Amino acid sequence: DRDGAGRYQLLRRIDPDVLRKIFRTEMEAEVLGEIIQTLHGHLDGAKELAGGDDDATAVHAVKFLNATTQLSRFKLNVNFLGKQEKAAVKQVVDWSLSVTAELRAEGEQVINSFGCV
C-alpha cells in the first residue's frame, strides 16, 4: 500500500545512529510494533524501494532494529510485542543475513534482545 511504502521510505532515510536523539525519553511499544511491521511488510519490495541495493537494505534493517534495542525502556516495550511481531523481527533478520553475512553478530544480538524463537 502507498502509506506503507511511504513509511518504509521514511525509515530508510533515518540513520539508525540518530534514533537515540529522536526518541530521547522512550519509544512507545506501539511505535516499535509499527516499525517492525513496516520493515517486515516491505521485505519483498525493499530492493526496489531502496534503489535495487539488497546489501544496503539488509544492513539498514538490522542496524535499525539493533538501534531500537538501545533505547530507553526497550526491555519493557518488548514485553508488549506479540509472537507475530517477534516472528517478523526474526524474518527480517534472517532475510538480511541471507543477503550479507557481515551482520551475523549484530543480527543474533537483535534476535536475542527481542526474544525471538
Protein backbone atom coordinates (compact mmCIF):
# COMPACT_ATOMS: atom_id res chain seq x y z
CA ASP A 1 0.00 0.00 0.00
CA ARG A 2 1.04 3.57 -0.56
CA ASP A 3 1.11 4.54 3.12
CA GLY A 4 3.22 1.50 3.97
CA ALA A 5 5.66 2.29 1.16
CA GLY A 6 5.87 5.88 2.40
CA ARG A 7 6.55 4.72 5.96
CA TYR A 8 9.21 2.34 4.69
CA GLN A 9 10.92 5.07 2.67
CA LEU A 10 10.84 7.32 5.74
CA LEU A 11 12.51 4.61 7.85
CA ARG A 12 15.15 4.19 5.16
CA ARG A 13 16.00 7.89 5.41
CA ILE A 14 16.53 7.72 9.17
CA ASP A 15 20.09 6.90 10.18
CA PRO A 16 19.89 4.25 12.92
CA ASP A 17 22.61 6.13 14.82
CA VAL A 18 20.25 9.08 15.43
CA LEU A 19 17.37 7.08 16.93
CA ARG A 20 18.53 7.95 20.45
CA LYS A 21 18.23 11.63 19.60
CA ILE A 22 14.79 11.20 18.07
CA PHE A 23 13.48 9.10 20.97
CA ARG A 24 15.32 10.74 23.86
CA THR A 25 12.97 9.52 26.53
CA GLU A 26 11.50 6.36 25.04
CA MET A 27 9.85 4.77 22.03
CA GLU A 28 6.32 3.58 22.70
CA ALA A 29 5.63 -0.11 22.20
CA GLU A 30 3.05 0.73 19.53
CA VAL A 31 5.63 2.67 17.50
CA LEU A 32 8.11 -0.18 17.85
CA GLY A 33 5.47 -2.60 16.60
CA GLU A 34 4.71 -0.40 13.60
CA ILE A 35 8.40 -0.16 12.72
CA ILE A 36 8.70 -3.95 12.86
CA GLN A 37 5.62 -4.42 10.68
CA THR A 38 6.83 -1.80 8.19
CA LEU A 39 10.25 -3.42 7.81
CA HIS A 40 8.72 -6.88 7.57
CA GLY A 41 5.98 -5.84 5.19
CA HIS A 42 8.46 -4.47 2.69
CA LEU A 43 10.98 -7.30 2.50
CA ASP A 44 9.79 -8.33 -0.95
CA GLY A 45 9.72 -4.81 -2.34
CA ALA A 46 12.61 -3.45 -0.29
CA LYS A 47 15.14 -3.82 -3.08
CA GLU A 48 13.11 -1.68 -5.46
CA LEU A 49 12.29 0.91 -2.79
CA ALA A 50 15.97 1.13 -1.84
CA GLY A 51 17.16 1.67 -5.37
CA GLY A 52 17.99 -2.00 -6.01
CA ASP A 53 20.66 -2.41 -3.31
CA ASP A 54 19.96 -5.53 -1.23
CA ASP A 55 23.10 -5.12 0.90
CA ALA A 56 22.21 -1.56 1.93
CA THR A 57 18.63 -2.63 2.66
CA ALA A 58 19.79 -5.56 4.79
CA VAL A 59 22.36 -3.52 6.71
CA HIS A 60 19.88 -0.73 7.40
CA ALA A 61 17.17 -3.14 8.63
CA VAL A 62 19.45 -4.90 11.12
CA LYS A 63 21.13 -1.71 12.29
CA PHE A 64 17.76 0.00 12.69
CA LEU A 65 16.34 -2.88 14.76
CA ASN A 66 19.54 -3.04 16.80
CA ALA A 67 19.35 0.69 17.48
CA THR A 68 15.84 0.25 18.90
CA THR A 69 17.27 -2.20 21.45
CA GLN A 70 19.44 0.62 22.82
CA LEU A 71 16.50 2.93 23.52
CA SER A 72 15.16 3.67 26.97
CA ARG A 73 12.57 1.17 28.20
CA PHE A 74 13.20 -1.23 25.33
CA LYS A 75 13.03 -4.23 27.65
CA LEU A 76 9.64 -3.10 28.91
CA ASN A 77 8.35 -2.43 25.39
CA VAL A 78 9.49 -5.79 24.06
CA ASN A 79 7.22 -7.43 26.63
CA PHE A 80 4.24 -5.85 24.87
CA LEU A 81 5.16 -7.33 21.49
CA GLY A 82 3.22 -10.37 20.37
CA LYS A 83 4.54 -13.59 18.90
CA GLN A 84 3.70 -12.33 15.41
CA GLU A 85 5.84 -9.20 15.83
CA LYS A 86 8.74 -11.18 17.28
CA ALA A 87 8.48 -13.64 14.38
CA ALA A 88 8.55 -10.66 11.99
CA VAL A 89 11.78 -9.42 13.61
CA LYS A 90 13.34 -12.86 13.12
CA GLN A 91 12.24 -12.97 9.48
CA VAL A 92 13.70 -9.51 8.79
CA VAL A 93 17.00 -10.52 10.39
CA ASP A 94 17.06 -13.91 8.65
CA TRP A 95 16.44 -12.23 5.28
CA SER A 96 19.16 -9.70 6.00
CA LEU A 97 21.64 -12.43 6.95
CA SER A 98 20.82 -14.28 3.74
CA VAL A 99 21.90 -11.16 1.84
CA THR A 100 25.09 -10.40 3.76
CA ALA A 101 26.87 -12.44 6.41
CA GLU A 102 28.68 -9.37 7.79
CA LEU A 103 25.66 -8.78 10.01
CA ARG A 104 25.72 -12.16 11.78
CA ALA A 105 26.78 -10.95 15.25
CA GLU A 106 24.53 -7.90 15.16
CA GLY A 107 21.63 -9.94 13.79
CA GLU A 108 21.98 -12.52 16.56
CA GLN A 109 22.05 -9.73 19.11
CA VAL A 110 18.78 -8.35 17.70
CA ILE A 111 17.12 -11.77 17.79
CA ASN A 112 18.22 -12.29 21.39
CA SER A 113 17.20 -8.79 22.50
CA PHE A 114 13.73 -9.17 21.02
CA GLY A 115 13.36 -12.68 22.49
CA CYS A 116 12.70 -14.28 19.11
CA VAL A 117 12.48 -18.05 18.91
